[in-house]
Amino acid sequence: MTTLLGLSHDGEEGRSYSGRKVPDAKDSDLREPRTGLSSSIGTPILRGDSNDAEVPMKPASFLATAFLGIVALAHLVRVILGLEVQIGRALIPSWMSLVAFLFCGALATMLYRESRAD
């Protein structure tokens, strides 16, 4: 009988631990899980094989992507329709909405791609 880390192996079909039989692990069970970081905050995730189902976006990532996309579309609509925006006595030029469209659209796209790459 061989003892390793509190498990005794008596050469039979399984391992004995506290009088209970535990079946031997298969080769697939002994495989080390591949880990990664799901986002910049460092939350660990487990990744399966390449044929595993796709993991959906996290709720916060989805909401941020949707919000940035809606803001980007609102700025694009303002530019296309030529709507005027006035804050106090200052008139906001349309080119600022074009810049905001490009900025928010780029952020939404990057966030979407980053969440799908995990």
Protein backbone atom coordinates (compact mmCIF):
# COMPACT_ATOMS: atom_id res chain seq x y z
CA MET A 1 0.00 0.00 0.00
CA THR A 2 1.40 3.37 -1.04
CA THR A 3 0.44 6.59 0.74
CA LEU A 4 0.58 9.94 -1.00
CA LEU A 5 -0.90 13.14 0.46
CA GLY A 6 -3.20 11.25 2.79
CA LEU A 7 -4.48 8.94 0.04
CA SER A 8 -3.57 5.29 0.25
CA HIS A 9 -3.40 3.27 -2.90
CA ASP A 10 -3.72 -0.46 -2.41
CA GLY A 11 -3.28 -1.47 -6.06
CA GLU A 12 -6.98 -2.10 -6.65
CA GLU A 13 -9.39 -0.31 -8.95
CA GLY A 14 -9.51 2.87 -6.89
CA ARG A 15 -7.99 4.84 -4.04
CA SER A 16 -9.02 4.52 -0.43
CA TYR A 17 -9.56 7.64 1.62
CA SER A 18 -11.03 7.33 5.09
CA GLY A 19 -12.36 3.88 4.26
CA ARG A 20 -14.18 5.04 1.08
CA LYS A 21 -13.27 3.96 -2.43
CA VAL A 22 -12.53 6.75 -4.90
CA PRO A 23 -12.25 5.79 -8.59
CA ASP A 24 -8.98 6.47 -10.34
CA ALA A 25 -8.78 9.67 -12.34
CA LYS A 26 -8.81 9.49 -16.10
CA ASP A 27 -6.14 11.17 -18.19
CA SER A 28 -8.59 13.88 -19.21
CA ASP A 29 -9.26 14.65 -15.52
CA LEU A 30 -5.56 15.15 -14.83
CA ARG A 31 -5.17 17.79 -17.52
CA GLU A 32 -4.23 21.20 -16.14
CA PRO A 33 -6.93 23.81 -16.80
CA ARG A 34 -5.87 26.67 -19.00
CA THR A 35 -6.42 29.92 -17.20
CA GLY A 36 -6.41 33.52 -18.30
CA LEU A 37 -7.50 36.93 -17.17
CA SER A 38 -11.00 37.90 -18.14
CA SER A 39 -10.45 41.63 -17.95
CA SER A 40 -8.12 44.31 -16.74
CA ILE A 41 -9.28 43.77 -13.15
CA GLY A 42 -7.66 40.34 -13.16
CA THR A 43 -10.61 38.01 -12.61
CA PRO A 44 -9.37 34.50 -13.41
CA ILE A 45 -11.36 32.39 -15.83
CA LEU A 46 -11.10 28.79 -16.94
CA ARG A 47 -10.87 28.13 -20.63
CA GLY A 48 -11.92 24.86 -22.13
CA ASP A 49 -11.02 23.31 -25.43
CA SER A 50 -11.42 25.27 -28.64
CA ASN A 51 -14.66 23.41 -29.41
CA ASP A 52 -16.35 24.54 -26.16
CA ALA A 53 -19.40 26.78 -26.32
CA GLU A 54 -18.75 30.49 -26.53
CA VAL A 55 -18.93 32.31 -23.21
CA PRO A 56 -21.41 35.22 -23.30
CA MET A 57 -20.36 38.76 -22.43
CA LYS A 58 -20.39 39.76 -18.80
CA PRO A 59 -23.35 41.98 -17.88
CA ALA A 60 -21.22 45.05 -17.15
CA SER A 61 -19.33 44.70 -20.43
CA PHE A 62 -22.58 44.27 -22.32
CA LEU A 63 -24.17 47.35 -20.71
CA ALA A 64 -21.08 49.50 -21.30
CA THR A 65 -20.87 48.40 -24.93
CA ALA A 66 -24.57 49.05 -25.49
CA PHE A 67 -24.42 52.47 -23.81
CA LEU A 68 -21.37 53.58 -25.82
CA GLY A 69 -22.98 52.31 -29.02
CA ILE A 70 -26.19 54.25 -28.35
CA VAL A 71 -24.25 57.44 -27.56
CA ALA A 72 -22.21 57.00 -30.75
CA LEU A 73 -25.38 56.53 -32.82
CA ALA A 74 -26.99 59.59 -31.22
CA HIS A 75 -24.01 61.73 -32.23
CA LEU A 76 -24.13 60.31 -35.76
CA VAL A 77 -27.86 61.09 -36.03
CA ARG A 78 -27.16 64.65 -34.88
CA VAL A 79 -24.54 65.09 -37.61
CA ILE A 80 -26.72 63.52 -40.35
CA LEU A 81 -29.87 65.48 -39.45
CA GLY A 82 -27.98 68.69 -38.77
CA LEU A 83 -29.52 69.19 -35.34
CA GLU A 84 -28.29 72.16 -33.35
CA VAL A 85 -27.24 71.78 -29.74
CA GLN A 86 -26.95 74.82 -27.53
CA ILE A 87 -25.62 74.88 -23.99
CA GLY A 88 -26.38 78.20 -22.39
CA ARG A 89 -25.49 80.74 -25.06
CA ALA A 90 -22.83 78.52 -26.68
CA LEU A 91 -23.73 76.65 -29.88
CA ILE A 92 -21.95 73.25 -30.09
CA PRO A 93 -20.59 72.67 -33.62
CA SER A 94 -21.48 69.50 -35.54
CA TRP A 95 -17.85 68.48 -35.93
CA MET A 96 -17.68 67.90 -32.16
CA SER A 97 -20.43 65.30 -32.50
CA LEU A 98 -18.49 63.69 -35.33
CA VAL A 99 -15.44 63.43 -33.05
CA ALA A 100 -17.64 62.09 -30.23
CA PHE A 101 -19.16 59.54 -32.65
CA LEU A 102 -15.72 58.27 -33.66
CA PHE A 103 -14.51 58.17 -30.03
CA CYS A 104 -17.57 56.40 -28.57
CA GLY A 105 -17.82 54.06 -31.54
CA ALA A 106 -14.16 53.09 -31.24
CA LEU A 107 -14.52 52.47 -27.49
CA ALA A 108 -17.64 50.35 -28.00
CA THR A 109 -15.94 48.31 -30.72
CA MET A 110 -12.79 47.74 -28.64
CA LEU A 111 -14.82 46.71 -25.59
CA TYR A 112 -16.92 44.32 -27.67
CA ARG A 113 -13.84 42.70 -29.24
CA GLU A 114 -12.04 42.45 -25.91
CA SER A 115 -14.99 40.74 -24.22
CA ARG A 116 -15.34 38.26 -27.08
CA ALA A 117 -11.61 37.45 -27.11
CA ASP A 118 -11.74 36.06 -23.55
